[in-house]
N, C-alpha and C. Protein backbone atom coordinates (compact mmCIF):
# COMPACT_ATOMS: atom_id res chain seq x y z
N UNK A 1 8.47 -0.05 6.91
CA UNK A 1 7.38 -0.92 6.49
C UNK A 1 7.28 -2.06 7.48
N UNK A 2 6.09 -2.38 7.88
CA UNK A 2 5.89 -3.51 8.78
C UNK A 2 5.42 -4.71 7.99
N UNK A 3 5.46 -5.86 8.61
CA UNK A 3 4.99 -7.07 7.96
C UNK A 3 3.48 -6.98 7.77
N UNK A 4 3.02 -7.20 6.58
CA UNK A 4 1.59 -7.09 6.28
C UNK A 4 1.16 -8.24 5.39
N UNK A 5 -0.11 -8.46 5.34
CA UNK A 5 -0.68 -9.41 4.38
C UNK A 5 -1.48 -8.61 3.38
N UNK A 6 -1.11 -8.72 2.13
CA UNK A 6 -1.83 -8.04 1.06
C UNK A 6 -2.84 -9.00 0.48
N UNK A 7 -3.97 -8.50 0.10
CA UNK A 7 -4.91 -9.36 -0.61
C UNK A 7 -5.58 -8.55 -1.70
N UNK A 8 -6.07 -9.24 -2.68
CA UNK A 8 -6.79 -8.56 -3.75
C UNK A 8 -8.08 -9.33 -3.99
N UNK A 9 -8.93 -8.76 -4.81
CA UNK A 9 -10.20 -9.42 -5.09
C UNK A 9 -10.01 -10.59 -6.04
N UNK A 10 -8.88 -10.67 -6.72
CA UNK A 10 -8.58 -11.79 -7.60
C UNK A 10 -8.45 -13.04 -6.73
N UNK A 11 -9.20 -14.08 -7.04
CA UNK A 11 -9.18 -15.27 -6.20
C UNK A 11 -7.78 -15.88 -6.14
N UNK A 12 -7.47 -16.44 -5.01
CA UNK A 12 -6.19 -17.11 -4.76
C UNK A 12 -5.00 -16.17 -4.95
N UNK A 13 -5.14 -14.92 -4.56
CA UNK A 13 -4.03 -13.98 -4.74
C UNK A 13 -3.46 -13.49 -3.41
N UNK A 14 -3.77 -14.13 -2.33
CA UNK A 14 -3.27 -13.65 -1.05
C UNK A 14 -1.81 -14.02 -0.87
N UNK A 15 -1.05 -13.09 -0.30
CA UNK A 15 0.35 -13.35 -0.01
C UNK A 15 0.76 -12.51 1.19
N UNK A 16 1.77 -12.98 1.87
CA UNK A 16 2.29 -12.28 3.02
C UNK A 16 3.60 -11.62 2.64
N UNK A 17 3.75 -10.37 3.01
CA UNK A 17 4.96 -9.61 2.68
C UNK A 17 5.59 -9.13 3.99
N UNK A 18 6.85 -9.48 4.18
CA UNK A 18 7.57 -9.04 5.38
C UNK A 18 8.90 -8.42 5.00
N UNK A 19 8.93 -7.69 3.91
CA UNK A 19 10.17 -7.10 3.40
C UNK A 19 10.48 -5.81 4.15
N UNK A 20 10.98 -5.95 5.36
CA UNK A 20 11.22 -4.79 6.21
C UNK A 20 12.61 -4.20 5.99
N UNK A 21 13.62 -5.04 5.98
CA UNK A 21 14.99 -4.57 5.81
C UNK A 21 15.22 -4.12 4.37
N UNK A 22 16.11 -3.12 4.17
CA UNK A 22 16.32 -2.57 2.82
C UNK A 22 16.65 -3.62 1.76
N UNK A 23 17.47 -4.59 2.08
CA UNK A 23 17.84 -5.63 1.11
C UNK A 23 16.59 -6.37 0.60
N UNK A 24 15.73 -6.77 1.54
CA UNK A 24 14.53 -7.53 1.18
C UNK A 24 13.50 -6.64 0.51
N UNK A 25 13.38 -5.40 0.97
CA UNK A 25 12.44 -4.46 0.37
C UNK A 25 12.82 -4.20 -1.09
N UNK A 26 14.12 -4.04 -1.35
CA UNK A 26 14.58 -3.82 -2.72
C UNK A 26 14.24 -5.00 -3.62
N UNK A 27 14.42 -6.22 -3.11
CA UNK A 27 14.07 -7.42 -3.87
C UNK A 27 12.56 -7.51 -4.10
N UNK A 28 11.80 -7.14 -3.08
CA UNK A 28 10.34 -7.14 -3.18
C UNK A 28 9.88 -6.20 -4.29
N UNK A 29 10.37 -4.96 -4.25
CA UNK A 29 9.98 -3.95 -5.23
C UNK A 29 10.40 -4.39 -6.64
N UNK A 30 11.62 -4.89 -6.76
CA UNK A 30 12.10 -5.37 -8.07
C UNK A 30 11.25 -6.53 -8.57
N UNK A 31 10.88 -7.44 -7.67
CA UNK A 31 10.04 -8.57 -8.05
C UNK A 31 8.68 -8.13 -8.58
N UNK A 32 8.18 -7.02 -8.06
CA UNK A 32 6.90 -6.47 -8.55
C UNK A 32 7.07 -5.75 -9.88
N UNK A 33 8.34 -5.55 -10.30
CA UNK A 33 8.59 -4.84 -11.55
C UNK A 33 8.50 -3.34 -11.40
N UNK A 34 8.66 -2.85 -10.17
CA UNK A 34 8.59 -1.42 -9.91
C UNK A 34 9.98 -0.83 -9.78
N UNK A 35 10.08 0.47 -9.99
CA UNK A 35 11.34 1.19 -9.85
C UNK A 35 11.35 1.82 -8.46
N UNK A 36 12.27 1.37 -7.62
CA UNK A 36 12.32 1.83 -6.23
C UNK A 36 12.53 3.34 -6.14
N UNK A 37 13.21 3.92 -7.12
CA UNK A 37 13.46 5.37 -7.08
C UNK A 37 12.19 6.18 -7.31
N UNK A 38 11.15 5.54 -7.82
CA UNK A 38 9.89 6.24 -8.06
C UNK A 38 8.90 6.07 -6.91
N UNK A 39 9.29 5.36 -5.86
CA UNK A 39 8.41 5.11 -4.72
C UNK A 39 8.80 5.97 -3.54
N UNK A 40 7.82 6.31 -2.70
CA UNK A 40 8.17 7.04 -1.48
C UNK A 40 8.96 6.14 -0.53
N UNK A 41 9.66 6.72 0.42
CA UNK A 41 10.43 5.91 1.38
C UNK A 41 9.51 4.97 2.15
N UNK A 42 9.90 3.71 2.29
CA UNK A 42 9.03 2.73 2.93
C UNK A 42 8.79 2.97 4.43
N UNK A 43 9.65 3.73 5.08
CA UNK A 43 9.48 3.97 6.51
C UNK A 43 8.67 5.24 6.82
N UNK A 44 8.22 5.94 5.79
CA UNK A 44 7.39 7.12 5.97
C UNK A 44 5.93 6.68 6.10
N UNK A 45 5.45 6.59 7.34
CA UNK A 45 4.10 6.07 7.60
C UNK A 45 3.02 6.86 6.86
N UNK A 46 3.26 8.14 6.63
CA UNK A 46 2.26 8.95 5.95
C UNK A 46 2.10 8.54 4.48
N UNK A 47 3.10 7.85 3.95
CA UNK A 47 3.05 7.41 2.55
C UNK A 47 2.58 5.96 2.40
N UNK A 48 2.31 5.29 3.52
CA UNK A 48 1.89 3.89 3.44
C UNK A 48 0.62 3.68 2.62
N UNK A 49 -0.38 4.55 2.74
CA UNK A 49 -1.58 4.33 1.90
C UNK A 49 -1.22 4.35 0.40
N UNK A 50 -0.32 5.25 0.02
CA UNK A 50 0.11 5.31 -1.38
C UNK A 50 0.84 4.03 -1.77
N UNK A 51 1.74 3.56 -0.91
CA UNK A 51 2.47 2.33 -1.19
C UNK A 51 1.51 1.14 -1.27
N UNK A 52 0.54 1.10 -0.37
CA UNK A 52 -0.42 0.00 -0.37
C UNK A 52 -1.16 -0.06 -1.70
N UNK A 53 -1.58 1.08 -2.17
CA UNK A 53 -2.29 1.14 -3.45
C UNK A 53 -1.38 0.70 -4.60
N UNK A 54 -0.14 1.18 -4.60
CA UNK A 54 0.82 0.81 -5.65
C UNK A 54 1.06 -0.68 -5.65
N UNK A 55 1.28 -1.25 -4.46
CA UNK A 55 1.56 -2.69 -4.36
C UNK A 55 0.33 -3.51 -4.75
N UNK A 56 -0.85 -3.08 -4.32
CA UNK A 56 -2.08 -3.81 -4.66
C UNK A 56 -2.30 -3.81 -6.16
N UNK A 57 -2.04 -2.68 -6.81
CA UNK A 57 -2.19 -2.60 -8.27
C UNK A 57 -1.20 -3.54 -8.96
N UNK A 58 0.02 -3.57 -8.46
CA UNK A 58 1.02 -4.47 -9.05
C UNK A 58 0.62 -5.93 -8.85
N UNK A 59 0.20 -6.27 -7.63
CA UNK A 59 -0.19 -7.65 -7.34
C UNK A 59 -1.39 -8.09 -8.18
N UNK A 60 -2.26 -7.16 -8.51
CA UNK A 60 -3.47 -7.51 -9.27
C UNK A 60 -3.14 -7.96 -10.70
N UNK A 61 -1.91 -7.77 -11.13
CA UNK A 61 -1.53 -8.11 -12.50
C UNK A 61 -1.33 -9.62 -12.71
N UNK A 62 -1.14 -10.38 -11.62
CA UNK A 62 -0.88 -11.82 -11.74
C UNK A 62 -1.66 -12.59 -10.68
N UNK A 63 -1.73 -13.89 -10.86
CA UNK A 63 -2.35 -14.75 -9.85
C UNK A 63 -1.38 -15.00 -8.71
N UNK A 64 -1.89 -15.54 -7.65
CA UNK A 64 -1.03 -15.88 -6.51
C UNK A 64 0.06 -16.84 -6.94
N UNK A 65 -0.29 -17.85 -7.73
CA UNK A 65 0.70 -18.84 -8.15
C UNK A 65 1.77 -18.23 -9.05
N UNK A 66 1.38 -17.29 -9.90
CA UNK A 66 2.37 -16.60 -10.74
C UNK A 66 3.33 -15.79 -9.87
N UNK A 67 2.79 -15.11 -8.84
CA UNK A 67 3.66 -14.34 -7.94
C UNK A 67 4.54 -15.27 -7.12
N UNK A 68 4.02 -16.43 -6.77
CA UNK A 68 4.83 -17.40 -6.03
C UNK A 68 6.04 -17.77 -6.86
N UNK A 69 5.84 -17.99 -8.14
CA UNK A 69 6.95 -18.33 -9.05
C UNK A 69 7.95 -17.18 -9.12
N UNK A 70 7.46 -15.95 -9.25
CA UNK A 70 8.34 -14.78 -9.33
C UNK A 70 9.20 -14.68 -8.07
N UNK A 71 8.58 -14.81 -6.91
CA UNK A 71 9.31 -14.58 -5.66
C UNK A 71 10.04 -15.82 -5.15
N UNK A 72 9.82 -16.97 -5.76
CA UNK A 72 10.55 -18.16 -5.31
C UNK A 72 12.04 -18.04 -5.60
N UNK A 73 12.39 -17.23 -6.58
CA UNK A 73 13.80 -17.06 -6.95
C UNK A 73 14.41 -15.80 -6.32
N UNK A 74 13.65 -15.12 -5.46
CA UNK A 74 14.13 -13.88 -4.85
C UNK A 74 14.09 -13.97 -3.33
N UNK A 75 15.04 -13.33 -2.71
CA UNK A 75 15.09 -13.26 -1.25
C UNK A 75 14.37 -11.98 -0.83
N UNK A 76 13.02 -12.03 -0.92
CA UNK A 76 12.22 -10.83 -0.75
C UNK A 76 11.20 -10.93 0.39
N UNK A 77 11.22 -12.01 1.14
CA UNK A 77 10.28 -12.19 2.26
C UNK A 77 8.83 -12.09 1.79
N UNK A 78 8.52 -12.76 0.71
CA UNK A 78 7.16 -12.81 0.17
C UNK A 78 6.78 -14.28 0.04
N UNK A 79 5.63 -14.63 0.57
CA UNK A 79 5.18 -16.02 0.51
C UNK A 79 3.67 -16.05 0.32
N UNK A 80 3.18 -17.08 -0.37
CA UNK A 80 1.73 -17.17 -0.53
C UNK A 80 1.05 -17.53 0.79
N UNK A 81 -0.16 -17.05 0.96
CA UNK A 81 -0.97 -17.44 2.11
C UNK A 81 -1.82 -18.61 1.63
N UNK A 82 -1.61 -19.76 2.24
CA UNK A 82 -2.28 -20.99 1.82
C UNK A 82 -3.55 -21.23 2.62
N UNK A 83 -4.50 -21.89 1.99
CA UNK A 83 -5.67 -22.34 2.73
C UNK A 83 -5.23 -23.50 3.63
N UNK A 84 -6.05 -23.90 4.56
CA UNK A 84 -5.70 -25.01 5.44
C UNK A 84 -5.46 -26.28 4.62
N UNK A 85 -6.29 -26.53 3.62
CA UNK A 85 -6.10 -27.71 2.76
C UNK A 85 -4.78 -27.63 2.01
N UNK A 86 -4.47 -26.46 1.46
CA UNK A 86 -3.21 -26.30 0.73
C UNK A 86 -2.01 -26.46 1.67
N UNK A 87 -2.11 -25.93 2.87
CA UNK A 87 -1.00 -26.03 3.83
C UNK A 87 -0.72 -27.49 4.17
N UNK A 88 -1.77 -28.28 4.31
CA UNK A 88 -1.59 -29.70 4.62
C UNK A 88 -0.87 -30.43 3.49
N UNK A 89 -1.11 -30.01 2.25
CA UNK A 89 -0.53 -30.68 1.09
C UNK A 89 0.81 -30.09 0.66
N UNK A 90 1.19 -28.98 1.25
CA UNK A 90 2.45 -28.33 0.85
C UNK A 90 3.63 -29.25 1.15
N UNK A 91 4.55 -29.31 0.21
CA UNK A 91 5.71 -30.20 0.30
C UNK A 91 6.46 -30.06 1.63
N UNK A 92 6.70 -28.85 2.04
CA UNK A 92 7.42 -28.61 3.30
C UNK A 92 6.70 -29.26 4.49
N UNK A 93 5.40 -29.07 4.57
CA UNK A 93 4.63 -29.62 5.69
C UNK A 93 4.49 -31.13 5.61
N UNK A 94 4.38 -31.67 4.41
CA UNK A 94 4.27 -33.13 4.25
C UNK A 94 5.58 -33.80 4.67
N UNK A 95 6.71 -33.24 4.24
CA UNK A 95 8.01 -33.81 4.58
C UNK A 95 8.28 -33.79 6.09
N UNK A 96 7.72 -32.81 6.77
CA UNK A 96 7.99 -32.62 8.19
C UNK A 96 6.81 -33.04 9.08
N UNK A 97 5.83 -33.71 8.48
CA UNK A 97 4.63 -34.10 9.23
C UNK A 97 4.06 -32.90 9.99
N UNK A 98 3.84 -31.84 9.25
CA UNK A 98 3.39 -30.59 9.84
C UNK A 98 1.96 -30.60 10.36
N UNK A 99 1.17 -31.61 9.96
CA UNK A 99 -0.21 -31.69 10.40
C UNK A 99 -0.51 -33.10 10.88
N UNK A 100 -1.42 -33.19 11.83
CA UNK A 100 -1.88 -34.47 12.36
C UNK A 100 -3.37 -34.60 12.14
N UNK A 101 -3.82 -35.84 11.99
CA UNK A 101 -5.25 -36.12 11.96
C UNK A 101 -5.54 -36.92 13.22
N UNK A 102 -6.21 -36.28 14.17
CA UNK A 102 -6.52 -36.91 15.44
C UNK A 102 -8.04 -37.06 15.53
N UNK A 103 -8.48 -38.29 15.50
CA UNK A 103 -9.91 -38.60 15.61
C UNK A 103 -10.73 -37.80 14.60
N UNK A 104 -10.21 -37.67 13.38
CA UNK A 104 -10.94 -36.98 12.33
C UNK A 104 -10.77 -35.47 12.32
N UNK A 105 -10.01 -34.93 13.25
CA UNK A 105 -9.76 -33.49 13.30
C UNK A 105 -8.32 -33.23 12.87
N UNK A 106 -8.15 -32.47 11.81
CA UNK A 106 -6.80 -32.13 11.34
C UNK A 106 -6.35 -30.90 12.11
N UNK A 107 -5.11 -30.98 12.59
CA UNK A 107 -4.56 -29.86 13.35
C UNK A 107 -3.06 -29.76 13.07
N UNK A 108 -2.49 -28.57 13.25
CA UNK A 108 -1.04 -28.44 13.09
C UNK A 108 -0.33 -29.30 14.13
N UNK A 109 0.79 -29.87 13.73
CA UNK A 109 1.60 -30.66 14.64
C UNK A 109 2.35 -29.73 15.58
N UNK A 110 2.87 -30.28 16.64
CA UNK A 110 3.63 -29.52 17.61
C UNK A 110 4.90 -28.99 16.94
N UNK A 111 5.24 -27.76 17.23
CA UNK A 111 6.48 -27.18 16.72
C UNK A 111 7.01 -26.21 17.77
N UNK A 112 8.27 -26.15 18.01
CA UNK A 112 9.28 -27.04 17.45
C UNK A 112 9.23 -28.41 18.14
N UNK A 113 9.83 -29.39 17.48
CA UNK A 113 9.92 -30.73 18.03
C UNK A 113 11.37 -31.03 18.36
N UNK A 114 11.59 -31.57 19.55
CA UNK A 114 12.94 -31.83 20.01
C UNK A 114 13.20 -33.32 20.11
N UNK A 115 14.39 -33.71 19.76
CA UNK A 115 14.79 -35.11 19.83
C UNK A 115 14.68 -35.59 21.27
N UNK A 116 14.13 -36.79 21.44
CA UNK A 116 14.01 -37.37 22.77
C UNK A 116 12.74 -37.00 23.50
N UNK A 117 11.93 -36.14 22.92
CA UNK A 117 10.67 -35.74 23.55
C UNK A 117 9.55 -36.49 22.84
N UNK A 118 8.81 -37.30 23.59
CA UNK A 118 7.70 -38.04 22.99
C UNK A 118 6.45 -37.16 22.96
N UNK A 119 5.75 -37.25 21.85
CA UNK A 119 4.51 -36.49 21.69
C UNK A 119 3.34 -37.46 21.68
N UNK A 120 2.25 -37.03 22.24
CA UNK A 120 1.04 -37.85 22.25
C UNK A 120 0.13 -37.35 21.14
N UNK A 121 0.25 -37.95 19.97
CA UNK A 121 -0.55 -37.53 18.82
C UNK A 121 -2.03 -37.79 19.02
N UNK A 122 -2.38 -38.65 19.96
CA UNK A 122 -3.78 -38.97 20.19
C UNK A 122 -4.42 -38.08 21.25
N UNK A 123 -3.67 -37.10 21.72
CA UNK A 123 -4.21 -36.22 22.76
C UNK A 123 -5.46 -35.51 22.26
N UNK A 124 -6.37 -35.27 23.15
CA UNK A 124 -7.62 -34.60 22.81
C UNK A 124 -7.34 -33.19 22.30
N UNK A 125 -8.05 -32.81 21.28
CA UNK A 125 -7.92 -31.46 20.74
C UNK A 125 -8.78 -30.53 21.60
N UNK A 126 -8.14 -29.55 22.20
CA UNK A 126 -8.86 -28.59 23.05
C UNK A 126 -9.20 -27.36 22.23
N UNK A 127 -10.38 -26.85 22.45
CA UNK A 127 -10.78 -25.61 21.79
C UNK A 127 -10.08 -24.44 22.44
N UNK A 128 -9.67 -23.49 21.63
CA UNK A 128 -9.07 -22.27 22.16
C UNK A 128 -10.07 -21.61 23.11
N UNK A 129 -9.62 -21.29 24.30
CA UNK A 129 -10.48 -20.65 25.28
C UNK A 129 -11.24 -21.61 26.17
N UNK A 130 -11.05 -22.93 25.98
CA UNK A 130 -11.82 -23.89 26.76
C UNK A 130 -11.40 -23.95 28.23
N UNK A 131 -10.22 -23.44 28.55
CA UNK A 131 -9.75 -23.49 29.95
C UNK A 131 -9.42 -22.10 30.48
N UNK A 132 -9.90 -21.06 29.83
CA UNK A 132 -9.55 -19.70 30.21
C UNK A 132 -9.85 -19.41 31.68
N UNK A 133 -11.08 -19.66 32.10
CA UNK A 133 -11.45 -19.36 33.49
C UNK A 133 -10.63 -20.19 34.48
N UNK A 134 -10.44 -21.46 34.16
CA UNK A 134 -9.68 -22.35 35.04
C UNK A 134 -8.23 -21.86 35.20
N UNK A 135 -7.61 -21.52 34.10
CA UNK A 135 -6.21 -21.06 34.15
C UNK A 135 -6.09 -19.75 34.92
N UNK A 136 -6.97 -18.80 34.63
CA UNK A 136 -6.92 -17.53 35.35
C UNK A 136 -7.20 -17.73 36.84
N UNK A 137 -8.08 -18.66 37.16
CA UNK A 137 -8.33 -18.98 38.56
C UNK A 137 -7.09 -19.55 39.24
N UNK A 138 -6.39 -20.44 38.53
CA UNK A 138 -5.15 -20.99 39.08
C UNK A 138 -4.10 -19.92 39.29
N UNK A 139 -4.17 -18.87 38.49
CA UNK A 139 -3.24 -17.75 38.63
C UNK A 139 -3.73 -16.74 39.66
N UNK A 140 -4.78 -17.12 40.38
CA UNK A 140 -5.35 -16.34 41.49
C UNK A 140 -6.05 -15.03 41.05
N UNK A 141 -6.59 -15.05 39.83
CA UNK A 141 -7.40 -13.92 39.41
C UNK A 141 -8.76 -14.05 40.07
N UNK A 142 -9.27 -12.96 40.57
CA UNK A 142 -10.60 -12.94 41.17
C UNK A 142 -11.66 -13.00 40.07
N UNK A 143 -12.84 -13.51 40.41
CA UNK A 143 -13.92 -13.65 39.42
C UNK A 143 -14.26 -12.32 38.75
N UNK A 144 -14.28 -11.24 39.53
CA UNK A 144 -14.64 -9.95 38.94
C UNK A 144 -13.56 -9.47 37.95
N UNK A 145 -12.30 -9.79 38.22
CA UNK A 145 -11.21 -9.41 37.31
C UNK A 145 -11.29 -10.26 36.03
N UNK A 146 -11.61 -11.53 36.15
CA UNK A 146 -11.78 -12.39 34.98
C UNK A 146 -12.92 -11.87 34.11
N UNK A 147 -14.04 -11.50 34.76
CA UNK A 147 -15.18 -10.94 34.03
C UNK A 147 -14.79 -9.67 33.29
N UNK A 148 -13.99 -8.83 33.93
CA UNK A 148 -13.53 -7.59 33.30
C UNK A 148 -12.66 -7.89 32.07
N UNK A 149 -11.74 -8.85 32.20
CA UNK A 149 -10.88 -9.23 31.07
C UNK A 149 -11.71 -9.79 29.91
N UNK A 150 -12.72 -10.57 30.24
CA UNK A 150 -13.61 -11.11 29.21
C UNK A 150 -14.39 -9.99 28.53
N UNK A 151 -14.94 -9.08 29.34
CA UNK A 151 -15.73 -7.96 28.79
C UNK A 151 -14.90 -7.08 27.87
N UNK A 152 -13.63 -6.87 28.22
CA UNK A 152 -12.75 -6.01 27.42
C UNK A 152 -12.15 -6.74 26.22
N UNK A 153 -12.40 -8.05 26.11
CA UNK A 153 -11.88 -8.82 24.99
C UNK A 153 -10.40 -9.16 25.11
N UNK A 154 -9.85 -9.02 26.31
CA UNK A 154 -8.44 -9.34 26.53
C UNK A 154 -8.23 -10.85 26.48
N UNK A 155 -9.19 -11.60 27.00
CA UNK A 155 -9.19 -13.06 26.95
C UNK A 155 -10.55 -13.49 26.41
N UNK A 156 -10.63 -14.77 26.04
CA UNK A 156 -11.88 -15.29 25.49
C UNK A 156 -12.14 -16.68 26.05
N UNK A 157 -13.38 -17.09 25.97
CA UNK A 157 -13.74 -18.45 26.34
C UNK A 157 -14.32 -19.13 25.11
N UNK A 158 -14.23 -20.44 25.09
CA UNK A 158 -14.76 -21.21 23.96
C UNK A 158 -16.28 -21.07 23.92
N UNK A 159 -16.80 -21.07 22.70
CA UNK A 159 -18.26 -20.97 22.53
C UNK A 159 -18.94 -22.24 22.97
C-alpha cells in the first residue's frame, strides 16, 4: 500500500493515510473497525480498487473529526487533511509559529529552522514559477530546451 489521501463526499472528511508498514496498517484497519483477515493483502496492487472501496465505505461512517479522535490514540499513520485556515490555527503550528503573515499574505514559515540562522520574515513572497526561465538560463539551458520543458509540463511559469 502506498501513501494516499482518501476523501469522501461527506464534508470535512478528508484524511491522509500512510499506513505502509504492517504494524501501522494493522492499526489502521483496526481503527476502521475492520477485520484484517477478511481483507486482501495490502501489497497486491490488483486488489487496491477493492481496498479503496472498503476503506471509503468505512470512512463514510464518521466525520473527519470523529476519525481524528479514533486515530489520535493509535499509531496508524492517519491524519486529517486541514484547510489552510485550520492549519494556521492548529495547536502544533501555533506553538511552532508554523505560519507567517507578510504584508497581508499568510504563508508557511521556513522549515526546518536552525539555531543561529536569522530569517527575514519580511522577505517578499515570490510566486511559484516566477523565476523559472531565469533559473534555467543560469543553469545554461537553451531557450528551445526551456520551451520544450514548459510545453511538456516539466516546469511552469507564474501566471
